[in-house]
Amino acid sequence: MTQVIMLNGPRTVGKNYIADKFIEQADINTRMLPITWPMKLQAMAERNLTPSDVHVMEFAKDCKLARLGGLSPREVYIEFGTRMREQWGQDYFANLWSMHARAYTSYKLIVVPDARFQEEVDEACKEFGEHNVILVRVHREDFGWRNDIGSYLKHWIAIDFDNDAQSPDVGVLLHEKVRGLLL
């Protein structure tokens, strides 16, 4: 059975870095699958852009691009996300991610670096079983949720993880924290 580790925390606390290092140091079949990935694909498909285009734009998320009408990819994603949530409800992206994640059940572990809303944790629990989901709330001194969407989430298997050092060993540190929680 596939298990899911969901990293939750405000912007710039190092969630992607932690996920990368965790996967690098994993000794099991592991895949990163952000909640936002299927949303980004949809948002850019509206603009006739391909998944390859989306990959390239990951390196320029805050750059204003002519092919996006002078907007940055992040601005496009925020506008799209707001519009879809208003139209389809707060759980729209959680459901979209869940459908996308079904294609990755051959992996022993899926790492989600960007859990922001309770609906995302709830949907992961529904899809993979609540005992197969671990929530990791990432903290970093002087970083909080002000001017950011989301909040610290809840799950019965939740741990708090301090990332003050941005250490290259952060993946090992997280492995030590979740050891015993993985089946």
Protein backbone atom coordinates (compact mmCIF):
# COMPACT_ATOMS: atom_id res chain seq x y z
CA MET A 1 0.00 0.00 0.00
CA THR A 2 1.19 3.50 -0.83
CA GLN A 3 1.82 5.85 2.08
CA VAL A 4 1.77 9.64 1.89
CA ILE A 5 3.89 12.18 3.76
CA MET A 6 2.35 15.64 3.53
CA LEU A 7 4.57 18.62 4.38
CA ASN A 8 2.60 21.59 5.68
CA GLY A 9 3.92 25.04 6.47
CA PRO A 10 4.01 28.63 5.23
CA ARG A 11 5.99 29.82 2.23
CA THR A 12 9.79 29.71 2.37
CA VAL A 13 10.13 27.38 5.38
CA GLY A 14 11.93 24.86 3.15
CA LYS A 15 9.25 22.28 2.36
CA ASN A 16 10.52 21.54 -1.18
CA TYR A 17 14.12 21.34 0.02
CA ILE A 18 13.12 18.94 2.79
CA ALA A 19 11.10 16.82 0.34
CA ASP A 20 14.02 16.70 -2.14
CA LYS A 21 16.50 15.67 0.55
CA PHE A 22 14.07 13.13 2.04
CA ILE A 23 13.54 11.49 -1.36
CA GLU A 24 17.29 11.57 -2.10
CA GLN A 25 17.94 9.65 1.10
CA ALA A 26 14.97 7.27 0.89
CA ASP A 27 15.70 3.58 0.61
CA ILE A 28 12.25 2.79 -0.77
CA ASN A 29 10.44 3.60 -4.01
CA THR A 30 9.47 7.26 -3.42
CA ARG A 31 7.88 9.97 -5.58
CA MET A 32 7.24 13.68 -5.00
CA LEU A 33 3.74 14.75 -6.03
CA PRO A 34 2.77 18.32 -5.14
CA ILE A 35 -0.89 19.18 -4.60
CA THR A 36 -0.35 22.07 -7.01
CA TRP A 37 1.05 20.03 -9.89
CA PRO A 38 -2.26 18.96 -11.52
CA MET A 39 -3.58 22.51 -10.93
CA LYS A 40 -0.56 24.03 -12.67
CA LEU A 41 -1.07 21.71 -15.63
CA GLN A 42 -4.73 22.75 -15.88
CA ALA A 43 -4.00 26.46 -15.48
CA MET A 44 -1.42 26.44 -18.25
CA ALA A 45 -3.49 24.17 -20.50
CA GLU A 46 -6.07 26.99 -20.54
CA ARG A 47 -3.31 29.05 -22.15
CA ASN A 48 -2.42 26.25 -24.61
CA LEU A 49 0.83 25.44 -22.83
CA THR A 50 2.19 21.90 -22.43
CA PRO A 51 3.44 20.01 -19.35
CA SER A 52 6.97 20.64 -20.68
CA ASP A 53 6.25 24.37 -20.63
CA VAL A 54 5.08 24.08 -17.03
CA HIS A 55 8.31 22.27 -16.06
CA VAL A 56 10.39 25.07 -17.58
CA MET A 57 8.30 27.73 -15.84
CA GLU A 58 9.04 26.17 -12.44
CA PHE A 59 12.43 27.90 -12.67
CA ALA A 60 10.81 31.30 -13.30
CA LYS A 61 7.73 31.25 -11.06
CA ASP A 62 7.98 34.94 -10.20
CA CYS A 63 9.17 36.28 -13.58
CA LYS A 64 6.77 38.27 -15.74
CA LEU A 65 6.55 36.41 -19.05
CA ALA A 66 5.32 37.71 -22.40
CA ARG A 67 3.75 34.34 -23.23
CA LEU A 68 1.58 34.77 -20.11
CA GLY A 69 0.47 38.27 -21.08
CA GLY A 70 3.03 39.88 -18.78
CA LEU A 71 2.02 37.83 -15.73
CA SER A 72 4.28 35.53 -13.75
CA PRO A 73 3.42 31.82 -13.55
CA ARG A 74 2.68 32.31 -9.82
CA GLU A 75 0.15 35.06 -10.67
CA VAL A 76 -1.51 32.78 -13.22
CA TYR A 77 -1.72 29.96 -10.65
CA ILE A 78 -3.17 32.22 -7.97
CA GLU A 79 -5.81 33.62 -10.33
CA PHE A 80 -6.70 30.15 -11.60
CA GLY A 81 -6.83 28.70 -8.08
CA THR A 82 -9.06 31.46 -6.78
CA ARG A 83 -11.41 31.14 -9.75
CA MET A 84 -11.67 27.33 -9.52
CA ARG A 85 -12.27 27.38 -5.75
CA GLU A 86 -15.02 29.97 -6.19
CA GLN A 87 -16.59 27.96 -9.00
CA TRP A 88 -16.15 24.40 -7.71
CA GLY A 89 -15.52 24.66 -3.97
CA GLN A 90 -12.59 24.55 -1.59
CA ASP A 91 -11.96 20.83 -2.14
CA TYR A 92 -11.58 21.12 -5.94
CA PHE A 93 -7.76 20.86 -5.96
CA ALA A 94 -7.69 18.16 -3.30
CA ASN A 95 -9.97 16.05 -5.50
CA LEU A 96 -7.91 16.85 -8.61
CA TRP A 97 -4.70 15.82 -6.81
CA SER A 98 -6.33 12.62 -5.57
CA MET A 99 -7.34 11.59 -9.10
CA HIS A 100 -3.82 12.37 -10.32
CA ALA A 101 -2.22 10.46 -7.40
CA ARG A 102 -4.00 7.23 -8.40
CA ALA A 103 -1.49 6.90 -11.24
CA TYR A 104 1.34 6.71 -8.67
CA THR A 105 0.17 3.88 -6.43
CA SER A 106 3.09 1.73 -7.63
CA TYR A 107 5.26 3.91 -5.38
CA LYS A 108 5.70 2.86 -1.77
CA LEU A 109 5.75 6.48 -0.64
CA ILE A 110 4.44 9.75 -2.07
CA VAL A 111 5.83 12.99 -0.62
CA VAL A 112 3.59 16.05 -0.90
CA PRO A 113 5.64 19.24 -0.31
CA ASP A 114 2.79 21.73 -0.35
CA ALA A 115 -0.24 20.77 1.78
CA ARG A 116 -2.04 24.01 2.66
CA PHE A 117 -5.69 23.20 3.32
CA GLN A 118 -7.41 20.63 5.54
CA GLU A 119 -9.37 19.32 2.54
CA GLU A 120 -6.07 18.10 1.05
CA VAL A 121 -5.23 16.00 4.11
CA ASP A 122 -8.80 14.72 4.29
CA GLU A 123 -8.76 13.71 0.61
CA ALA A 124 -5.39 11.95 0.95
CA CYS A 125 -6.84 10.01 3.93
CA LYS A 126 -9.90 9.07 1.89
CA GLU A 127 -7.79 7.94 -1.09
CA PHE A 128 -4.95 6.13 0.73
CA GLY A 129 -6.44 5.39 4.17
CA GLU A 130 -5.93 7.67 7.15
CA HIS A 131 -3.38 5.29 8.72
CA ASN A 132 -1.25 5.67 5.54
CA VAL A 133 -0.99 9.47 5.75
CA ILE A 134 1.59 11.30 7.87
CA LEU A 135 1.30 15.06 8.28
CA VAL A 136 4.54 16.95 8.91
CA ARG A 137 4.07 20.56 10.07
CA VAL A 138 7.26 22.40 9.12
CA HIS A 139 8.29 25.34 11.30
CA ARG A 140 11.08 27.86 10.85
CA GLU A 141 11.87 30.70 13.21
CA ASP A 142 10.44 34.06 12.09
CA PHE A 143 8.31 32.49 9.33
CA GLY A 144 4.54 32.37 9.66
CA TRP A 145 1.27 32.37 7.77
CA ARG A 146 0.86 36.16 7.52
CA ASN A 147 -0.04 37.14 3.92
CA ASP A 148 -0.07 33.48 2.94
CA ILE A 149 -2.89 31.09 2.11
CA GLY A 150 -3.33 28.02 4.25
CA SER A 151 -2.66 27.16 7.88
CA TYR A 152 -1.17 24.42 10.03
CA LEU A 153 -3.35 21.36 9.47
CA LYS A 154 -4.59 18.51 11.64
CA HIS A 155 -4.31 14.76 11.41
CA TRP A 156 -4.03 12.09 14.07
CA ILE A 157 -0.58 11.14 12.70
CA ALA A 158 1.08 14.56 12.78
CA ILE A 159 4.55 15.61 13.79
CA ASP A 160 6.12 19.04 14.11
CA PHE A 161 9.45 19.53 12.36
CA ASP A 162 11.75 22.50 12.96
CA ASN A 163 13.76 23.55 9.92
CA ASP A 164 15.80 26.40 11.31
CA ALA A 165 19.16 25.22 9.99
CA GLN A 166 18.31 24.37 6.34
CA SER A 167 20.87 21.61 6.86
CA PRO A 168 21.86 19.26 4.03
CA ASP A 169 21.01 16.53 6.58
CA VAL A 170 17.39 17.65 6.79
CA GLY A 171 16.25 14.56 4.86
CA VAL A 172 17.95 12.26 7.38
CA LEU A 173 16.41 14.25 10.23
CA LEU A 174 12.93 13.79 8.76
CA HIS A 175 13.58 10.08 8.18
CA GLU A 176 14.41 9.81 11.90
CA LYS A 177 11.19 11.65 12.83
CA VAL A 178 8.90 9.43 10.73
CA ARG A 179 10.71 6.15 11.43
CA GLY A 180 8.22 3.86 13.10
CA LEU A 181 5.28 5.69 11.51
CA LEU A 182 5.92 4.18 8.08
CA LEU A 183 4.49 0.70 7.57
